[in-house]
N, C-alpha and C. Protein backbone atom coordinates (compact mmCIF):
# COMPACT_ATOMS: atom_id res chain seq x y z
N UNK A 1 158.83 115.91 41.22
CA UNK A 1 159.65 117.10 41.42
C UNK A 1 160.98 116.67 42.01
N UNK A 2 162.05 117.21 41.47
CA UNK A 2 163.39 116.88 41.96
C UNK A 2 164.19 118.15 42.09
N UNK A 3 164.65 118.48 43.31
CA UNK A 3 165.42 119.70 43.50
C UNK A 3 164.64 120.91 43.06
N UNK A 4 165.24 121.74 42.22
CA UNK A 4 164.57 122.95 41.76
C UNK A 4 164.07 122.81 40.32
N UNK A 5 163.79 121.57 39.91
CA UNK A 5 163.26 121.32 38.57
C UNK A 5 161.90 120.65 38.72
N UNK A 6 160.92 121.13 37.96
CA UNK A 6 159.60 120.50 37.94
C UNK A 6 159.22 120.32 36.48
N UNK A 7 158.73 119.16 36.16
CA UNK A 7 158.20 118.94 34.82
C UNK A 7 156.78 118.41 34.97
N UNK A 8 155.91 118.86 34.12
CA UNK A 8 154.52 118.46 34.22
C UNK A 8 153.78 118.72 32.93
N UNK A 9 152.47 118.61 33.01
CA UNK A 9 151.60 118.87 31.88
C UNK A 9 150.56 119.87 32.34
N UNK A 10 150.47 121.00 31.65
CA UNK A 10 149.55 122.06 32.07
C UNK A 10 148.12 121.55 32.17
N UNK A 11 147.69 120.75 31.22
CA UNK A 11 146.33 120.22 31.24
C UNK A 11 146.04 119.32 32.42
N UNK A 12 147.05 118.61 32.89
CA UNK A 12 146.89 117.72 34.04
C UNK A 12 147.09 118.46 35.36
N UNK A 13 148.04 119.39 35.41
CA UNK A 13 148.33 120.11 36.65
C UNK A 13 147.32 121.22 36.95
N UNK A 14 146.78 121.83 35.91
CA UNK A 14 145.91 122.99 36.08
C UNK A 14 144.70 122.74 36.99
N UNK A 15 144.00 121.63 36.86
CA UNK A 15 142.82 121.43 37.72
C UNK A 15 143.15 121.33 39.22
N UNK A 16 144.40 121.13 39.56
CA UNK A 16 144.78 121.00 40.96
C UNK A 16 144.74 122.33 41.71
N UNK A 17 144.79 123.46 40.99
CA UNK A 17 144.81 124.78 41.63
C UNK A 17 144.01 125.78 40.79
N UNK A 18 142.79 125.40 40.40
CA UNK A 18 141.89 126.24 39.61
C UNK A 18 142.55 126.78 38.35
N UNK A 19 143.45 126.01 37.76
CA UNK A 19 144.09 126.39 36.51
C UNK A 19 145.47 127.00 36.67
N UNK A 20 145.77 127.49 37.87
CA UNK A 20 147.04 128.18 38.08
C UNK A 20 148.17 127.18 38.26
N UNK A 21 149.23 127.33 37.48
CA UNK A 21 150.35 126.40 37.53
C UNK A 21 151.63 127.04 38.08
N UNK A 22 151.60 128.35 38.32
CA UNK A 22 152.78 129.05 38.84
C UNK A 22 152.31 130.28 39.59
N UNK A 23 152.85 130.52 40.79
CA UNK A 23 152.49 131.72 41.54
C UNK A 23 152.70 131.59 43.03
N UNK A 24 152.27 132.62 43.77
CA UNK A 24 152.48 132.68 45.22
C UNK A 24 151.78 131.54 45.97
N UNK A 25 150.75 130.96 45.38
CA UNK A 25 149.91 129.96 46.03
C UNK A 25 150.52 128.56 46.02
N UNK A 26 151.60 128.34 45.30
CA UNK A 26 152.29 127.04 45.34
C UNK A 26 153.14 126.98 46.61
N UNK A 27 153.38 125.77 47.09
CA UNK A 27 154.14 125.60 48.33
C UNK A 27 155.56 126.16 48.19
N UNK A 28 156.02 126.81 49.26
CA UNK A 28 157.40 127.28 49.30
C UNK A 28 158.31 126.07 49.13
N UNK A 29 159.33 126.18 48.32
CA UNK A 29 160.21 125.06 48.02
C UNK A 29 159.86 124.40 46.70
N UNK A 30 158.63 124.60 46.23
CA UNK A 30 158.21 124.11 44.92
C UNK A 30 158.75 125.10 43.89
N UNK A 31 159.43 124.65 42.83
CA UNK A 31 159.96 125.58 41.84
C UNK A 31 158.89 126.45 41.18
N UNK A 32 157.63 126.08 41.32
CA UNK A 32 156.53 126.86 40.74
C UNK A 32 156.05 127.97 41.67
N UNK A 33 156.64 128.07 42.86
CA UNK A 33 156.29 129.12 43.81
C UNK A 33 157.05 130.40 43.46
N UNK A 34 156.33 131.50 43.30
CA UNK A 34 156.95 132.79 43.05
C UNK A 34 155.95 133.89 43.36
N UNK A 35 156.45 135.02 43.80
CA UNK A 35 155.61 136.19 44.01
C UNK A 35 155.77 137.18 42.86
N UNK A 36 156.59 136.81 41.88
CA UNK A 36 156.85 137.70 40.76
C UNK A 36 155.78 137.61 39.68
N UNK A 37 155.23 136.41 39.46
CA UNK A 37 154.35 136.19 38.32
C UNK A 37 153.40 135.03 38.62
N UNK A 38 152.26 135.00 37.93
CA UNK A 38 151.33 133.87 37.99
C UNK A 38 151.06 133.41 36.57
N UNK A 39 150.95 132.10 36.37
CA UNK A 39 150.64 131.54 35.06
C UNK A 39 149.48 130.57 35.22
N UNK A 40 148.50 130.70 34.32
CA UNK A 40 147.31 129.85 34.37
C UNK A 40 147.09 129.20 33.01
N UNK A 41 146.77 127.90 33.04
CA UNK A 41 146.31 127.18 31.87
C UNK A 41 144.82 127.02 32.09
N UNK A 42 144.03 127.88 31.47
CA UNK A 42 142.60 127.91 31.72
C UNK A 42 141.82 127.15 30.69
N UNK A 43 141.04 126.18 31.14
CA UNK A 43 140.13 125.43 30.27
C UNK A 43 138.72 125.81 30.70
N UNK A 44 137.99 126.46 29.80
CA UNK A 44 136.68 127.00 30.13
C UNK A 44 135.61 126.41 29.21
N UNK A 45 134.62 125.71 29.76
CA UNK A 45 133.53 125.21 28.92
C UNK A 45 132.69 126.38 28.40
N UNK A 46 131.99 126.15 27.30
CA UNK A 46 131.09 127.18 26.75
C UNK A 46 130.15 127.68 27.85
N UNK A 47 130.01 128.99 27.96
CA UNK A 47 129.12 129.57 28.95
C UNK A 47 129.77 129.85 30.29
N UNK A 48 131.00 129.40 30.49
CA UNK A 48 131.70 129.67 31.75
C UNK A 48 131.93 131.17 31.87
N UNK A 49 131.73 131.71 33.08
CA UNK A 49 131.95 133.14 33.27
C UNK A 49 132.49 133.41 34.66
N UNK A 50 133.17 134.51 34.79
CA UNK A 50 133.65 134.94 36.11
C UNK A 50 132.44 135.42 36.89
N UNK A 51 132.27 134.93 38.11
CA UNK A 51 131.08 135.23 38.90
C UNK A 51 131.05 136.66 39.43
N UNK A 52 132.22 137.27 39.60
CA UNK A 52 132.31 138.64 40.09
C UNK A 52 133.36 139.39 39.28
N UNK A 53 133.13 140.66 39.04
CA UNK A 53 134.13 141.48 38.38
C UNK A 53 135.34 141.66 39.31
N UNK A 54 136.53 141.72 38.72
CA UNK A 54 137.73 142.10 39.46
C UNK A 54 137.73 143.62 39.48
N UNK A 55 137.77 144.19 40.67
CA UNK A 55 137.76 145.65 40.82
C UNK A 55 139.02 146.06 41.59
N UNK A 56 139.57 147.21 41.23
CA UNK A 56 140.77 147.69 41.92
C UNK A 56 141.99 146.84 41.60
N UNK A 57 142.10 146.40 40.37
CA UNK A 57 143.21 145.53 39.94
C UNK A 57 144.57 146.13 40.30
N UNK A 58 145.43 145.31 40.90
CA UNK A 58 146.78 145.73 41.28
C UNK A 58 147.84 145.10 40.39
N UNK A 59 147.42 144.25 39.46
CA UNK A 59 148.37 143.51 38.64
C UNK A 59 148.27 143.91 37.18
N UNK A 60 149.24 143.50 36.41
CA UNK A 60 149.18 143.57 34.95
C UNK A 60 148.90 142.16 34.48
N UNK A 61 148.12 142.02 33.41
CA UNK A 61 147.75 140.69 32.93
C UNK A 61 147.88 140.60 31.42
N UNK A 62 148.24 139.41 30.97
CA UNK A 62 148.29 139.04 29.56
C UNK A 62 147.46 137.79 29.41
N UNK A 63 146.49 137.80 28.51
CA UNK A 63 145.61 136.66 28.27
C UNK A 63 145.75 136.28 26.80
N UNK A 64 146.18 135.03 26.51
CA UNK A 64 146.41 134.56 25.14
C UNK A 64 145.47 133.41 24.84
N UNK A 65 144.72 133.51 23.74
CA UNK A 65 143.80 132.45 23.34
C UNK A 65 144.57 131.33 22.65
N UNK A 66 144.40 130.11 23.15
CA UNK A 66 144.97 128.93 22.52
C UNK A 66 143.94 128.33 21.56
N UNK A 67 142.69 128.21 22.03
CA UNK A 67 141.60 127.71 21.18
C UNK A 67 140.27 128.22 21.72
N UNK A 68 139.26 128.25 20.87
CA UNK A 68 137.91 128.64 21.27
C UNK A 68 137.59 130.08 20.91
N UNK A 69 136.66 130.63 21.66
CA UNK A 69 136.22 132.03 21.49
C UNK A 69 135.90 132.55 22.89
N UNK A 70 136.56 133.62 23.30
CA UNK A 70 136.54 134.07 24.69
C UNK A 70 136.40 135.58 24.71
N UNK A 71 135.47 136.08 25.53
CA UNK A 71 135.23 137.51 25.63
C UNK A 71 135.72 138.04 26.97
N UNK A 72 136.49 139.12 26.93
CA UNK A 72 136.95 139.80 28.14
C UNK A 72 136.20 141.12 28.22
N UNK A 73 135.54 141.36 29.34
CA UNK A 73 134.74 142.56 29.55
C UNK A 73 135.53 143.58 30.37
N UNK A 74 135.54 144.80 29.89
CA UNK A 74 136.11 145.93 30.61
C UNK A 74 135.01 146.97 30.74
N UNK A 75 135.15 147.91 31.61
CA UNK A 75 134.15 148.95 31.76
C UNK A 75 134.02 149.69 30.43
N UNK A 76 132.85 149.56 29.81
CA UNK A 76 132.59 150.26 28.55
C UNK A 76 133.18 149.62 27.31
N UNK A 77 133.76 148.43 27.41
CA UNK A 77 134.40 147.81 26.25
C UNK A 77 134.47 146.30 26.41
N UNK A 78 134.20 145.57 25.30
CA UNK A 78 134.36 144.12 25.25
C UNK A 78 135.41 143.78 24.20
N UNK A 79 136.27 142.83 24.53
CA UNK A 79 137.27 142.34 23.58
C UNK A 79 136.98 140.86 23.36
N UNK A 80 136.84 140.45 22.09
CA UNK A 80 136.60 139.04 21.78
C UNK A 80 137.88 138.46 21.19
N UNK A 81 138.37 137.41 21.84
CA UNK A 81 139.52 136.66 21.33
C UNK A 81 138.94 135.49 20.55
N UNK A 82 139.23 135.41 19.25
CA UNK A 82 138.59 134.39 18.43
C UNK A 82 139.53 133.60 17.55
N UNK A 83 140.75 134.08 17.37
CA UNK A 83 141.72 133.39 16.53
C UNK A 83 142.90 132.98 17.40
N UNK A 84 143.39 131.76 17.22
CA UNK A 84 144.52 131.29 18.02
C UNK A 84 145.62 132.35 18.01
N UNK A 85 146.09 132.69 19.22
CA UNK A 85 147.14 133.69 19.35
C UNK A 85 146.62 135.08 19.64
N UNK A 86 145.30 135.32 19.48
CA UNK A 86 144.76 136.62 19.87
C UNK A 86 145.04 136.83 21.35
N UNK A 87 145.36 138.07 21.73
CA UNK A 87 145.65 138.33 23.13
C UNK A 87 145.21 139.73 23.52
N UNK A 88 145.12 139.95 24.82
CA UNK A 88 144.80 141.25 25.39
C UNK A 88 145.67 141.44 26.63
N UNK A 89 146.09 142.67 26.84
CA UNK A 89 146.91 143.03 28.01
C UNK A 89 146.21 144.19 28.71
N UNK A 90 146.16 144.14 30.04
CA UNK A 90 145.63 145.27 30.80
C UNK A 90 146.43 145.42 32.08
N UNK A 91 146.29 146.58 32.70
CA UNK A 91 147.13 146.87 33.85
C UNK A 91 146.37 147.34 35.06
N UNK A 92 147.09 147.97 35.95
CA UNK A 92 146.60 148.44 37.24
C UNK A 92 145.33 149.27 37.07
N UNK A 93 144.37 149.03 37.93
CA UNK A 93 143.15 149.82 37.97
C UNK A 93 142.12 149.48 36.92
N UNK A 94 142.34 148.47 36.10
CA UNK A 94 141.40 148.11 35.04
C UNK A 94 140.46 147.01 35.54
N UNK A 95 139.20 147.38 35.78
CA UNK A 95 138.19 146.40 36.21
C UNK A 95 137.87 145.49 35.02
N UNK A 96 137.61 144.22 35.33
CA UNK A 96 137.34 143.29 34.23
C UNK A 96 136.55 142.06 34.69
N UNK A 97 136.01 141.38 33.70
CA UNK A 97 135.35 140.09 33.88
C UNK A 97 135.52 139.34 32.56
N UNK A 98 134.98 138.13 32.45
CA UNK A 98 135.14 137.35 31.22
C UNK A 98 134.00 136.35 31.04
N UNK A 99 133.87 135.87 29.79
CA UNK A 99 132.83 134.91 29.43
C UNK A 99 133.34 134.04 28.28
N UNK A 100 133.19 132.72 28.40
CA UNK A 100 133.61 131.79 27.34
C UNK A 100 132.44 131.62 26.36
N UNK A 101 132.56 132.23 25.18
CA UNK A 101 131.52 132.12 24.17
C UNK A 101 131.51 130.73 23.55
N UNK A 102 132.66 130.08 23.50
CA UNK A 102 132.81 128.69 23.08
C UNK A 102 133.75 128.03 24.08
N UNK A 103 133.83 126.71 24.08
CA UNK A 103 134.84 126.05 24.91
C UNK A 103 136.18 126.65 24.53
N UNK A 104 136.94 127.08 25.53
CA UNK A 104 138.16 127.84 25.26
C UNK A 104 139.31 127.37 26.14
N UNK A 105 140.51 127.45 25.59
CA UNK A 105 141.74 127.21 26.34
C UNK A 105 142.56 128.49 26.22
N UNK A 106 143.03 128.99 27.36
CA UNK A 106 143.79 130.24 27.40
C UNK A 106 145.01 130.10 28.29
N UNK A 107 146.03 130.86 27.97
CA UNK A 107 147.20 130.99 28.82
C UNK A 107 147.15 132.40 29.39
N UNK A 108 147.15 132.52 30.72
CA UNK A 108 147.14 133.81 31.38
C UNK A 108 148.43 133.99 32.14
N UNK A 109 149.02 135.17 32.03
CA UNK A 109 150.20 135.54 32.80
C UNK A 109 149.85 136.84 33.52
N UNK A 110 150.03 136.85 34.84
CA UNK A 110 149.78 138.06 35.64
C UNK A 110 151.00 138.35 36.50
N UNK A 111 151.25 139.62 36.71
CA UNK A 111 152.36 139.99 37.58
C UNK A 111 152.02 141.28 38.30
N UNK A 112 152.47 141.40 39.56
CA UNK A 112 153.09 140.35 40.40
C UNK A 112 152.03 139.36 40.88
N UNK A 113 152.47 138.34 41.59
CA UNK A 113 151.58 137.33 42.14
C UNK A 113 151.19 137.75 43.56
N UNK A 114 149.94 138.16 43.71
CA UNK A 114 149.46 138.61 45.01
C UNK A 114 148.15 137.92 45.37
N UNK A 115 147.93 137.64 46.65
CA UNK A 115 146.69 136.98 47.07
C UNK A 115 145.51 137.95 47.09
N UNK A 116 144.32 137.37 47.12
CA UNK A 116 143.12 138.16 47.36
C UNK A 116 142.17 138.32 46.21
N UNK A 117 142.36 137.60 45.10
CA UNK A 117 141.49 137.77 43.96
C UNK A 117 140.59 136.59 43.65
N UNK A 118 140.73 135.50 44.38
CA UNK A 118 139.94 134.31 44.08
C UNK A 118 138.47 134.55 44.43
N UNK A 119 137.60 134.06 43.56
CA UNK A 119 136.16 134.10 43.82
C UNK A 119 135.84 132.84 44.63
N UNK A 120 135.06 132.98 45.70
CA UNK A 120 134.69 131.83 46.52
C UNK A 120 133.98 130.78 45.66
N UNK A 121 134.37 129.54 45.83
CA UNK A 121 133.75 128.44 45.10
C UNK A 121 132.44 128.06 45.76
N UNK A 122 131.40 127.88 44.95
CA UNK A 122 130.09 127.51 45.51
C UNK A 122 129.93 126.02 45.57
């Protein structure tokens, strides 16, 4: 990192912060620190799932499938992303969870970047 420029590789940087490469959780002074938006490069093995539903969502989210097959669960509805470029967007108040039907790579963008949604690691 030099000044306000950062260059990296999403696949290499993502495991350092549970997949998140941009957001409030990066150190202040790091060009990847922002409270405006969060970006995640998610690599999910087949069978990976969110351990708890997100309830009372305060953010808007965009989830784009890069590869694999990935299911996003909403109350009363499931969306399956199966073709590269398939995406889903949801907003405030939309409870959700997810499940990787196949090994999947996804790009997630959420805004704003706010703390309090991480599931405790076991």
